[in-house]
Protein backbone atom coordinates (compact mmCIF):
# COMPACT_ATOMS: atom_id res chain seq x y z
CA MET A 1 -6.80 -14.44 -14.20
CA LYS A 2 -9.79 -13.07 -16.12
CA PRO A 3 -9.46 -9.58 -17.63
CA ASP A 4 -11.38 -6.62 -16.17
CA GLY A 5 -13.21 -4.57 -18.77
CA GLU A 6 -12.72 -4.73 -22.52
CA VAL A 7 -9.95 -6.73 -24.20
CA ASN A 8 -9.48 -8.39 -27.59
CA PRO A 9 -8.58 -11.98 -26.67
CA ILE A 10 -7.02 -14.46 -29.08
CA ASP A 11 -9.32 -17.35 -30.00
CA THR A 12 -7.34 -20.57 -29.63
CA ASP A 13 -8.18 -24.11 -28.59
CA TYR A 14 -4.91 -24.43 -26.69
CA GLN A 15 -5.34 -25.06 -22.96
CA VAL A 16 -2.60 -24.10 -20.47
CA GLY A 17 -0.76 -27.27 -19.49
CA GLN A 18 -2.27 -29.52 -22.17
CA ASP A 19 1.19 -30.78 -23.19
CA ASN A 20 2.30 -31.25 -19.59
CA ILE A 21 3.21 -34.47 -17.84
CA ALA A 22 2.02 -34.92 -14.25
CA LEU A 23 4.37 -37.09 -12.20
CA LYS A 24 4.45 -38.30 -8.62
CA ILE A 25 7.95 -38.83 -7.18
CA GLY A 26 7.50 -39.99 -3.60
CA PRO A 27 5.55 -37.31 -1.75
CA PHE A 28 6.33 -34.70 -4.42
CA GLY A 29 4.10 -33.90 -7.37
CA LEU A 30 5.46 -32.49 -10.64
CA ASP A 31 3.62 -30.80 -13.52
CA ILE A 32 6.11 -30.18 -16.36
CA HIS A 33 5.99 -29.39 -20.08
CA ASN A 34 7.28 -32.65 -21.53
CA ARG A 35 9.63 -31.21 -24.18
CA VAL A 36 10.70 -27.84 -22.74
CA PHE A 37 11.57 -29.20 -19.29
CA LEU A 38 13.34 -32.33 -20.53
CA ILE A 39 15.38 -30.78 -23.37
CA SER A 40 16.49 -27.68 -21.45
CA GLY A 41 17.24 -29.76 -18.34
CA LEU A 42 19.24 -32.34 -20.32
CA PHE A 43 21.18 -29.65 -22.22
CA ILE A 44 22.17 -27.84 -19.01
CA THR A 45 23.05 -31.14 -17.28
CA LEU A 46 25.24 -32.18 -20.24
CA PHE A 47 26.96 -28.80 -20.18
CA VAL A 48 27.61 -29.11 -16.44
CA PHE A 49 29.06 -32.62 -16.91
CA VAL A 50 31.38 -31.59 -19.77
CA THR A 51 32.60 -28.54 -17.82
CA LEU A 52 33.44 -30.68 -14.78
CA ALA A 53 35.00 -33.53 -16.76
CA PHE A 54 37.25 -31.33 -18.94
CA GLN A 55 38.03 -28.34 -16.68
CA GLU A 56 41.52 -27.63 -18.08
CA ASP A 57 40.35 -27.68 -21.71
CA VAL A 58 37.06 -25.86 -21.13
CA ALA A 59 38.36 -22.75 -19.28
CA PRO A 60 40.47 -21.33 -22.19
CA MET A 61 37.71 -22.29 -24.65
CA PHE A 62 35.25 -20.15 -22.67
CA GLY A 63 37.57 -17.14 -22.92
CA GLU A 64 38.03 -17.59 -26.68
CA MET A 65 34.28 -18.02 -27.21
CA ARG A 66 33.42 -14.79 -25.40
CA GLY A 67 36.15 -12.92 -27.28
CA TRP A 68 34.98 -14.17 -30.69
CA LEU A 69 31.32 -13.30 -30.06
CA THR A 70 31.93 -9.80 -28.70
CA SER A 71 34.57 -8.87 -31.30
CA ASN A 72 32.61 -10.11 -34.33
CA LEU A 73 29.05 -9.31 -33.26
CA ASP A 74 29.48 -6.06 -31.31
CA TRP A 75 27.67 -4.14 -34.10
CA PHE A 76 24.72 -6.55 -33.84
CA PHE A 77 24.33 -6.18 -30.06
CA LEU A 78 24.65 -2.37 -30.22
CA SER A 79 22.12 -2.11 -33.07
CA ALA A 80 19.65 -4.33 -31.21
CA GLY A 81 19.95 -2.19 -28.06
CA ASP A 82 19.18 0.95 -30.07
CA ILE A 83 16.10 -0.68 -31.63
CA PHE A 84 14.68 -1.63 -28.21
CA VAL A 85 15.04 1.96 -26.94
CA ALA A 86 13.37 3.31 -30.11
CA VAL A 87 10.42 0.90 -29.70
CA CYS A 88 9.92 1.97 -26.07
CA LEU A 89 10.05 5.70 -26.86
CA PHE A 90 7.58 5.18 -29.72
CA LEU A 91 5.12 3.41 -27.39
CA ILE A 92 5.30 6.27 -24.84
CA VAL A 93 4.22 8.90 -27.36
CA SER A 94 1.91 6.81 -29.57
CA PRO A 95 -1.83 6.17 -28.97
CA LEU A 96 -0.89 2.55 -28.18
CA GLY A 97 0.28 3.87 -24.80
CA LYS A 98 -3.38 4.05 -23.71
CA VAL A 99 -3.81 0.24 -23.75
CA ARG A 100 -4.24 -1.09 -20.19
CA LEU A 101 -2.69 -4.42 -19.18
CA GLY A 102 -5.45 -6.70 -17.91
CA GLY A 103 -8.36 -4.85 -19.54
CA THR A 104 -9.78 -1.34 -19.65
CA GLU A 105 -11.08 -1.59 -16.04
CA ALA A 106 -8.06 -3.39 -14.51
CA THR A 107 -6.43 -1.95 -11.37
CA PRO A 108 -2.80 -2.46 -10.24
CA ASP A 109 -2.04 -5.42 -7.96
CA TYR A 110 0.77 -3.58 -6.13
CA THR A 111 1.45 -0.08 -4.85
CA TYR A 112 4.14 2.01 -6.55
CA ALA A 113 6.51 1.40 -3.62
CA GLY A 114 6.16 -2.38 -3.75
CA TRP A 115 6.26 -2.40 -7.55
CA PHE A 116 9.43 -0.28 -7.82
CA SER A 117 11.15 -2.38 -5.13
CA MET A 118 10.54 -5.60 -7.05
CA LEU A 119 11.50 -4.01 -10.40
CA PHE A 120 14.80 -2.79 -9.05
CA ALA A 121 15.76 -5.83 -6.95
CA ALA A 122 15.11 -8.23 -9.82
CA GLY A 123 16.50 -5.97 -12.54
CA MET A 124 20.12 -5.28 -11.68
CA GLY A 125 20.71 -5.18 -7.93
CA ILE A 126 23.80 -7.40 -7.88
CA GLY A 127 25.29 -5.56 -10.87
CA LEU A 128 24.97 -2.14 -9.22
CA MET A 129 26.71 -3.40 -6.09
CA PHE A 130 29.50 -5.00 -8.13
CA TYR A 131 30.07 -2.23 -10.69
CA GLY A 132 28.84 0.88 -8.83
CA VAL A 133 32.37 1.92 -7.86
CA SER A 134 34.56 -0.03 -10.24
CA GLU A 135 33.03 0.90 -13.60
CA PRO A 136 32.99 4.73 -13.27
CA LEU A 137 36.53 4.53 -11.86
CA SER A 138 37.70 2.30 -14.71
CA HIS A 139 36.22 4.52 -17.44
CA TYR A 140 37.58 7.65 -15.73
CA ALA A 141 41.11 6.18 -15.53
CA SER A 142 41.13 4.94 -19.14
CA SER A 143 39.71 8.27 -20.42
CA PHE A 144 42.26 10.28 -18.41
CA GLY A 145 45.06 8.07 -19.74
CA GLY A 146 44.18 8.89 -23.34
CA THR A 147 44.35 6.72 -26.44
CA ALA A 148 47.04 4.26 -27.52
CA VAL A 149 47.44 2.85 -31.04
CA GLU A 150 49.42 -0.20 -32.20
CA ASN A 151 49.50 -1.28 -35.84
CA GLY A 152 46.67 1.12 -36.61
CA VAL A 153 44.31 -0.32 -33.95
CA ARG A 154 43.35 1.30 -30.63
CA THR A 155 44.66 -0.76 -27.69
CA ASP A 156 43.36 1.42 -24.85
CA TRP A 157 40.02 0.83 -23.08
CA ALA A 158 38.78 4.44 -23.12
CA PRO A 159 35.29 5.20 -24.46
CA LEU A 160 35.03 7.30 -27.65
CA GLY A 161 38.04 9.63 -28.09
CA ALA A 162 39.12 9.66 -24.40
CA ALA A 163 40.04 12.88 -22.53
CA ALA A 164 43.81 12.66 -22.10
CA GLY A 165 45.10 14.57 -19.07
CA ASN A 166 41.82 16.44 -18.43
CA ALA A 167 40.41 15.21 -15.11
CA GLU A 168 37.03 16.95 -15.39
CA GLU A 169 36.37 15.85 -18.98
CA ALA A 170 37.57 12.33 -18.15
CA ARG A 171 35.13 12.23 -15.22
CA LYS A 172 32.23 13.37 -17.43
CA LEU A 173 33.07 10.88 -20.17
CA GLY A 174 33.59 8.08 -17.66
CA MET A 175 30.22 8.73 -16.00
CA ALA A 176 28.46 9.07 -19.39
CA ALA A 177 29.84 5.70 -20.49
CA THR A 178 28.76 4.10 -17.20
CA ILE A 179 25.22 5.51 -17.40
CA TYR A 180 25.00 4.31 -21.00
CA HIS A 181 25.51 0.76 -19.73
CA TRP A 182 23.02 1.07 -16.86
CA GLY A 183 20.37 3.49 -18.16
CA LEU A 184 17.85 3.44 -21.00
CA HIS A 185 19.25 0.57 -23.06
CA PRO A 186 19.20 -2.30 -20.52
CA TRP A 187 15.82 -1.25 -19.13
CA ALA A 188 14.42 -1.04 -22.69
CA ILE A 189 15.50 -4.66 -23.21
CA TYR A 190 13.54 -5.66 -20.11
CA ALA A 191 10.55 -3.43 -20.90
CA VAL A 192 9.96 -4.73 -24.44
CA LEU A 193 9.82 -8.37 -23.39
CA ALA A 194 7.93 -7.71 -20.14
CA LEU A 195 5.28 -5.72 -21.99
CA GLY A 196 4.81 -8.47 -24.57
CA LEU A 197 4.43 -11.14 -21.90
CA ALA A 198 1.96 -9.06 -19.88
CA LEU A 199 -0.13 -8.14 -22.96
CA PHE A 200 -0.47 -11.67 -24.35
CA SER A 201 -1.15 -13.18 -20.93
CA PHE A 202 -3.46 -10.60 -19.29
CA ASN A 203 -5.25 -9.25 -22.39
CA LYS A 204 -5.04 -12.00 -24.98
CA GLY A 205 -5.66 -14.91 -22.60
CA LEU A 206 -2.55 -16.91 -23.58
CA PRO A 207 -0.23 -18.77 -21.15
CA LEU A 208 2.39 -16.65 -19.36
CA THR A 209 5.27 -18.08 -21.34
CA MET A 210 7.68 -16.81 -23.97
CA ARG A 211 6.05 -18.47 -26.98
CA SER A 212 2.77 -16.61 -26.42
CA VAL A 213 4.38 -13.29 -27.49
CA PHE A 214 4.88 -14.71 -30.99
CA TYR A 215 1.28 -15.77 -31.65
CA PRO A 216 0.53 -12.84 -34.05
CA LEU A 217 3.45 -13.99 -36.25
CA PHE A 218 3.23 -17.81 -36.07
CA GLY A 219 -0.39 -18.45 -35.09
CA GLU A 220 -1.18 -21.95 -33.80
CA ARG A 221 2.36 -23.09 -34.68
CA VAL A 222 3.60 -21.51 -31.42
CA TRP A 223 2.18 -24.54 -29.57
CA GLY A 224 4.49 -26.81 -31.62
CA TRP A 225 8.25 -26.91 -32.16
CA VAL A 226 8.54 -23.21 -33.02
CA GLY A 227 7.30 -22.42 -29.50
CA HIS A 228 9.29 -25.24 -27.90
CA VAL A 229 12.54 -23.81 -29.29
CA ILE A 230 11.66 -20.28 -28.09
CA ASP A 231 10.87 -21.51 -24.56
CA ILE A 232 13.96 -23.76 -24.39
CA LEU A 233 16.16 -20.82 -25.45
CA ALA A 234 14.49 -18.70 -22.75
CA VAL A 235 15.15 -21.28 -20.02
CA VAL A 236 18.80 -21.76 -21.01
CA ALA A 237 19.46 -18.02 -21.44
CA THR A 238 17.83 -17.24 -18.09
CA LEU A 239 19.72 -19.90 -16.20
CA PHE A 240 23.14 -18.91 -17.54
CA GLY A 241 22.38 -15.19 -17.15
CA LEU A 242 21.44 -15.80 -13.52
CA ALA A 243 24.48 -18.00 -12.95
CA THR A 244 26.71 -15.16 -14.22
CA SER A 245 25.21 -12.74 -11.72
CA LEU A 246 25.40 -15.27 -8.90
CA GLY A 247 29.10 -15.68 -9.70
CA PHE A 248 29.63 -11.90 -9.49
CA GLY A 249 27.68 -11.76 -6.23
CA ALA A 250 29.66 -14.62 -4.69
CA SER A 251 33.03 -13.10 -5.63
CA GLN A 252 32.05 -9.72 -4.18
CA ALA A 253 30.58 -11.17 -0.98
CA ALA A 254 33.76 -13.26 -0.53
CA SER A 255 35.94 -10.15 -1.02
CA GLY A 256 33.85 -8.22 1.50
CA LEU A 257 34.09 -10.98 4.10
CA ASN A 258 37.85 -11.17 3.55
CA PHE A 259 38.09 -7.38 3.94
CA LEU A 260 36.08 -7.34 7.17
CA PHE A 261 36.84 -10.65 8.84
CA GLY A 262 39.89 -12.07 7.05
CA THR A 263 38.07 -15.09 5.60
CA PRO A 264 40.14 -16.78 2.87
CA LEU A 265 39.61 -15.77 -0.76
CA GLY A 266 39.25 -18.23 -3.61
CA THR A 267 36.85 -20.56 -5.38
CA THR A 268 36.14 -22.62 -2.24
CA THR A 269 34.80 -19.61 -0.33
CA GLU A 270 32.71 -18.53 -3.32
CA ILE A 271 31.23 -22.04 -3.66
CA ILE A 272 30.33 -22.11 0.05
CA LEU A 273 28.62 -18.72 -0.38
CA VAL A 274 26.67 -19.95 -3.42
CA VAL A 275 25.48 -22.97 -1.40
CA LEU A 276 24.45 -20.89 1.63
CA ILE A 277 22.67 -18.24 -0.43
CA THR A 278 20.90 -20.87 -2.54
CA MET A 279 19.59 -22.34 0.72
CA LEU A 280 18.25 -18.90 1.70
CA ALA A 281 16.67 -18.58 -1.73
CA LEU A 282 14.98 -21.96 -1.23
CA VAL A 283 13.33 -20.64 1.94
CA SER A 284 12.05 -17.64 -0.01
CA VAL A 285 10.87 -19.89 -2.87
CA VAL A 286 8.75 -21.95 -0.49
CA ALA A 287 7.30 -18.75 1.05
CA GLY A 288 5.94 -17.62 -2.36
CA LEU A 289 5.90 -14.38 -4.37
CA ASP A 290 4.21 -12.04 -1.89
CA ALA A 291 5.71 -13.40 1.33
CA GLY A 292 9.13 -14.17 -0.15
CA VAL A 293 10.31 -12.05 -3.08
CA LYS A 294 8.15 -8.99 -2.34
CA ARG A 295 9.17 -8.78 1.33
CA LEU A 296 12.86 -9.39 0.63
CA SER A 297 12.80 -6.82 -2.20
CA GLU A 298 11.31 -4.16 0.07
CA ILE A 299 13.86 -4.89 2.85
CA ASN A 300 16.69 -4.72 0.34
CA MET A 301 15.37 -1.49 -1.16
CA MET A 302 15.32 0.15 2.28
CA LEU A 303 18.90 -1.00 2.97
CA ALA A 304 20.06 0.19 -0.47
CA ILE A 305 18.45 3.62 0.07
CA LEU A 306 20.09 3.90 3.51
CA LEU A 307 23.52 3.06 2.09
CA LEU A 308 22.98 5.47 -0.82
CA LEU A 309 21.95 8.30 1.53
CA PHE A 310 24.96 7.59 3.75
CA VAL A 311 27.38 7.84 0.80
CA ILE A 312 25.73 11.09 -0.35
CA VAL A 313 25.99 12.63 3.15
CA ALA A 314 29.42 11.26 4.12
CA GLY A 315 30.96 11.66 0.66
CA PRO A 316 31.38 14.84 -1.40
CA THR A 317 27.70 15.84 -1.00
CA ILE A 318 27.70 18.95 -3.18
CA ALA A 319 29.68 17.22 -5.93
CA ILE A 320 27.24 14.30 -5.91
CA MET A 321 24.13 16.49 -6.02
CA THR A 322 25.44 18.70 -8.82
CA GLY A 323 27.08 15.69 -10.47
CA PHE A 324 23.70 13.98 -10.91
CA PHE A 325 22.60 16.68 -13.36
CA SER A 326 25.99 17.19 -15.03
CA ASN A 327 26.40 13.40 -15.47
CA LEU A 328 22.91 13.14 -16.92
CA GLY A 329 23.79 15.98 -19.31
CA ALA A 330 27.07 14.30 -20.26
CA TYR A 331 25.19 11.04 -20.90
CA LEU A 332 22.64 12.70 -23.19
CA GLU A 333 25.39 14.63 -24.99
CA ASN A 334 27.50 11.52 -25.64
CA LEU A 335 24.61 9.08 -26.16
CA PRO A 336 24.49 9.28 -30.00
CA ALA A 337 28.22 8.55 -30.23
CA LEU A 338 28.16 5.82 -27.56
CA ALA A 339 25.19 4.09 -29.21
CA MET A 340 26.65 4.19 -32.74
CA PRO A 341 27.09 0.54 -33.86
CA PHE A 342 29.44 1.16 -36.82
CA GLY A 343 32.75 2.84 -37.55
CA ARG A 344 33.96 2.79 -33.94
CA GLU A 345 37.63 3.15 -33.07
CA ASP A 346 37.19 2.42 -29.35
CA VAL A 347 37.03 -1.33 -30.02
CA ASN A 348 38.01 -2.50 -26.52
CA PHE A 349 35.24 -0.39 -25.01
CA THR A 350 32.51 -1.49 -27.46
CA GLN A 351 33.53 -5.16 -27.48
CA GLY A 352 34.84 -5.69 -23.96
CA TRP A 353 32.21 -3.57 -22.19
CA THR A 354 29.11 -2.73 -24.26
CA ALA A 355 28.68 -5.92 -26.31
CA PHE A 356 29.17 -8.06 -23.20
CA TYR A 357 26.70 -5.97 -21.21
CA TRP A 358 24.02 -6.10 -23.89
CA ALA A 359 24.37 -9.89 -24.20
CA TRP A 360 24.23 -10.18 -20.40
CA TRP A 361 21.11 -8.02 -20.12
CA ILE A 362 19.46 -9.97 -22.94
CA SER A 363 20.24 -13.30 -21.29
CA TRP A 364 18.56 -11.90 -18.16
CA SER A 365 15.54 -10.56 -20.07
CA PRO A 366 13.33 -13.69 -19.98
CA PHE A 367 13.71 -13.80 -16.20
CA VAL A 368 13.36 -10.08 -15.48
CA GLY A 369 10.78 -9.59 -18.24
CA MET A 370 8.46 -12.32 -16.99
CA PHE A 371 8.91 -11.23 -13.39
CA ILE A 372 8.05 -7.60 -14.29
CA ALA A 373 5.06 -8.84 -16.33
CA ARG A 374 3.69 -10.82 -13.39
CA VAL A 375 3.71 -7.79 -11.08
CA SER A 376 2.52 -5.15 -13.59
CA ARG A 377 -1.13 -6.02 -14.24
CA GLY A 378 -3.39 -2.96 -14.20
CA ARG A 379 -0.85 -0.46 -15.60
CA THR A 380 -1.30 1.33 -18.92
CA VAL A 381 1.37 0.75 -21.55
CA ARG A 382 2.50 4.39 -21.23
CA GLU A 383 2.70 4.17 -17.41
CA PHE A 384 4.45 0.81 -17.69
CA ILE A 385 7.14 2.05 -20.12
CA ILE A 386 7.75 5.32 -18.25
CA CYS A 387 8.07 3.53 -14.91
CA VAL A 388 10.12 0.56 -16.17
CA LEU A 389 12.35 2.64 -18.47
CA LEU A 390 12.81 6.13 -17.01
CA ILE A 391 12.51 5.80 -13.22
CA PRO A 392 14.96 2.87 -12.79
CA SER A 393 17.34 4.62 -15.25
CA ALA A 394 17.25 7.78 -13.10
CA ALA A 395 17.88 5.68 -9.99
CA CYS A 396 20.91 4.08 -11.69
CA VAL A 397 22.26 7.54 -12.58
CA LEU A 398 21.98 8.60 -8.93
CA TRP A 399 23.58 5.37 -7.67
CA MET A 400 26.52 5.55 -10.08
CA THR A 401 26.99 9.28 -9.39
CA ALA A 402 27.07 8.70 -5.63
CA PHE A 403 29.29 5.61 -5.52
CA GLY A 404 31.43 6.11 -8.63
CA GLY A 405 31.61 9.89 -8.16
CA THR A 406 32.76 9.49 -4.54
CA ALA A 407 35.50 7.06 -5.60
CA ILE A 408 36.71 9.39 -8.39
CA ASP A 409 36.69 12.33 -5.94
CA GLN A 410 38.76 10.29 -3.48
CA VAL A 411 41.36 9.61 -6.19
CA VAL A 412 41.45 13.09 -7.77
CA ASN A 413 41.08 15.37 -4.74
CA ASP A 414 42.29 13.23 -1.83
CA GLY A 415 45.02 11.23 -3.54
CA TYR A 416 43.43 8.03 -2.16
CA THR A 417 44.95 5.19 -4.19
CA ALA A 418 43.64 2.15 -2.26
CA VAL A 419 40.39 2.19 -4.22
CA THR A 420 42.18 1.99 -7.59
CA GLU A 421 44.66 -0.62 -6.36
CA ALA A 422 41.94 -2.93 -4.97
CA ALA A 423 40.70 -5.93 -6.95
CA LEU A 424 37.47 -5.30 -8.84
CA PRO A 425 35.10 -7.08 -6.37
CA LEU A 426 36.78 -5.22 -3.47
CA GLN A 427 36.60 -1.65 -4.81
CA LEU A 428 33.22 -0.93 -3.20
CA PHE A 429 34.63 -1.81 0.22
CA ALA A 430 37.84 0.16 -0.41
CA MET A 431 35.72 3.24 -1.22
CA LEU A 432 33.60 2.79 1.94
CA ASP A 433 36.78 2.31 4.00
CA ALA A 434 37.73 5.97 3.43
CA LEU A 435 34.36 7.13 4.85
CA PRO A 436 33.17 7.06 8.49
CA PHE A 437 31.66 3.87 10.00
CA ALA A 438 33.41 1.72 7.40
CA GLN A 439 32.89 -1.55 9.30
CA ILE A 440 29.13 -0.99 9.54
CA THR A 441 28.62 0.22 5.96
CA SER A 442 30.79 -2.57 4.53
CA PHE A 443 28.73 -5.14 6.43
CA ILE A 444 25.54 -3.57 5.04
CA GLY A 445 27.13 -3.82 1.59
CA ILE A 446 27.68 -7.56 2.06
CA VAL A 447 24.10 -8.01 3.28
CA LEU A 448 22.83 -6.15 0.20
CA VAL A 449 24.86 -8.35 -2.14
CA VAL A 450 23.55 -11.48 -0.41
CA VAL A 451 19.89 -10.41 -0.41
CA PHE A 452 20.04 -9.20 -4.03
CA PHE A 453 21.54 -12.61 -4.74
CA VAL A 454 18.62 -14.32 -2.95
CA THR A 455 15.86 -12.28 -4.65
CA SER A 456 17.41 -12.86 -8.09
CA SER A 457 17.71 -16.61 -7.51
CA ASP A 458 14.20 -16.82 -6.06
CA SER A 459 12.40 -14.83 -8.74
CA GLY A 460 14.53 -16.49 -11.44
CA SER A 461 13.43 -19.92 -10.22
CA LEU A 462 9.81 -18.74 -10.33
CA VAL A 463 10.20 -17.66 -13.96
CA ILE A 464 12.10 -20.70 -15.23
CA ASP A 465 9.56 -22.94 -13.53
CA THR A 466 6.64 -21.10 -15.19
CA ILE A 467 8.22 -21.49 -18.66
CA SER A 468 9.12 -25.16 -18.13
CA ALA A 469 5.59 -25.85 -16.80
CA GLY A 470 3.99 -24.62 -20.04
CA GLY A 471 2.91 -21.27 -18.60
CA LYS A 472 1.36 -22.54 -15.37
CA VAL A 473 1.88 -19.96 -12.62
CA ASP A 474 0.68 -22.32 -9.87
CA ALA A 475 2.97 -25.28 -10.61
CA PRO A 476 4.02 -27.45 -7.63
CA VAL A 477 6.59 -25.86 -5.28
CA PRO A 478 9.09 -28.79 -5.64
CA GLN A 479 9.67 -27.69 -9.24
CA ARG A 480 10.77 -24.22 -8.13
CA VAL A 481 12.97 -25.87 -5.51
CA PHE A 482 14.55 -27.98 -8.28
CA TRP A 483 15.33 -24.96 -10.50
CA CYS A 484 16.64 -22.89 -7.58
CA THR A 485 19.00 -25.72 -6.64
CA PHE A 486 19.97 -26.21 -10.28
CA GLU A 487 20.92 -22.51 -10.64
CA GLY A 488 23.25 -22.78 -7.67
CA LEU A 489 24.79 -25.95 -9.10
CA VAL A 490 25.43 -24.34 -12.50
CA ALA A 491 27.04 -21.30 -10.84
CA ILE A 492 29.29 -23.60 -8.78
CA VAL A 493 30.31 -25.69 -11.80
CA LEU A 494 31.10 -22.63 -13.91
CA LEU A 495 33.15 -21.13 -11.06
CA MET A 496 35.12 -24.40 -10.90
CA GLY A 497 35.48 -24.58 -14.69
CA GLY A 498 36.99 -21.15 -15.30
CA GLY A 499 35.65 -18.61 -12.83
CA LEU A 500 33.94 -15.43 -13.99
CA VAL A 501 35.29 -15.79 -17.54
CA ALA A 502 33.28 -19.00 -17.93
CA LEU A 503 30.17 -17.36 -16.51
CA GLN A 504 30.53 -14.33 -18.80
CA ALA A 505 31.11 -16.52 -21.85
CA MET A 506 27.90 -18.46 -21.26
CA ALA A 507 25.90 -15.24 -20.74
CA VAL A 508 27.18 -13.89 -24.09
CA SER A 509 26.63 -17.21 -25.88
CA THR A 510 23.01 -17.58 -24.80
CA GLY A 511 22.38 -13.84 -25.24
CA PHE A 512 23.15 -13.95 -28.98
CA PRO A 513 20.34 -16.27 -30.20
CA PHE A 514 17.91 -14.70 -27.76
CA THR A 515 18.66 -11.25 -29.20
CA ILE A 516 17.14 -12.46 -32.47
CA VAL A 517 14.10 -13.75 -30.56
CA LEU A 518 13.68 -10.35 -28.87
CA LEU A 519 13.95 -8.39 -32.12
CA VAL A 520 11.21 -10.51 -33.69
CA SER A 521 9.07 -10.08 -30.55
CA CYS A 522 9.01 -6.28 -31.09
CA VAL A 523 7.01 -6.74 -34.30
CA SER A 524 4.63 -9.15 -32.59
CA LEU A 525 4.17 -6.76 -29.63
CA ILE A 526 3.13 -3.82 -31.81
CA LYS A 527 0.73 -6.03 -33.80
CA GLY A 528 -0.84 -7.23 -30.54
CA LEU A 529 -1.20 -3.70 -29.14
CA MET A 530 -2.84 -2.40 -32.31
CA SER A 531 -5.74 -4.82 -31.85
CA GLU A 532 -6.47 -3.83 -28.22
CA PRO A 533 -9.17 -1.39 -27.01
CA ARG A 534 -7.73 1.72 -25.32
CA ASP A 535 -8.75 3.74 -22.26
């Protein structure tokens, strides 16, 4: 798409798709980047084969791999998260915030309502459904329980110094820790990459692919093996990050169906759900961005708002409304300590929670970043950062306050123990069970999980296909169908080869090298913005 108004394009002889191979397989046409598609596809296929062939050996290896990465590199992940937030805050207040994506005269392609719906559904919908009750409850319980030390090392899971025996302080600390994981830091990860992709595609005239962000640093070399490696890493990280979330979604949907209808639990049910939901995602893929993802995102946003409003009204309404501000205050108060990468004593919290989360968000960032870039043309950098960083963060605070705060209130004030005794994927439904209309709201919860699952798979397929097609945004539909099916297959194989531990291990493993890619992209982004005309 040509820019509107003034821009400072990059002068390059590279043509989008010049390294692509056009194939005809029966009635289907393919248009793929010869190296990125083949190498990433072969690597993922080999991984799937090894996982299936050596299930008993692979499952414990996955657990050990995740443990090693998070325990030895927690400082690296935490430091990187802090840098991304700092870059975003700098862009909000600096003159670079006046740069408009798509040119000085560009206008937005979507309304605020449609834009926010797509941002939120793609960003972390499944995660909020899965962790909305369980994480605040977990941090509250560990904080209330206090610290425990063995051989000079903390063995408890409480954040910071805990709040032994003090219910109110434990609640505040638990909510602050939860918001830390779902607020500014993850959205900053998405915003930095999304902004780079949008700038170098809409303003600089480069292909909408990961390598384009690095042109100011590597020049024409980005069209060679430097760029191939960046794009291959992006495809692999995206696919495993998505597979992790699909695994979470399947386990929660299976738990909800068991809770409501008595369907059997286990890997078989989760695999059937992955297959069914992948088929729904395929329908959305064929429908396209506007008819598929946009419409599903808006439907899901309406359902999520209805469920949120119900919990606020049926739960401890006053506590939720006042809790929003007190939790936000607790988050800001504890943020410097929570974000400190070094000298931490709460090792289980930083390694088992924060480092895993940051790696997971980073493995999702190519997918969410490119998706946000595609729907954000016409926004200024300042508007983009404020909307992508602050508004979704505020929405996450409200969601966690409503769902997690209600569950904590049920435990503390009502003595309701079912929610703490339930398995992690079931805690949302156990919380809803203590409120009116539990059957209806639980069913809505399952629908939300499924549709978030579908929109993530659909938009993820769109992004992976764009990268593996050399930046072509109008590649043949069969390619998106292939990647959508492939995502489902990888999720199934990882569920068979070690369940959620395997999925989490792959998200962390692919998140580590891509963290380095993202850190380098921050330098390239600022260099690119400095050369652009401003409103």
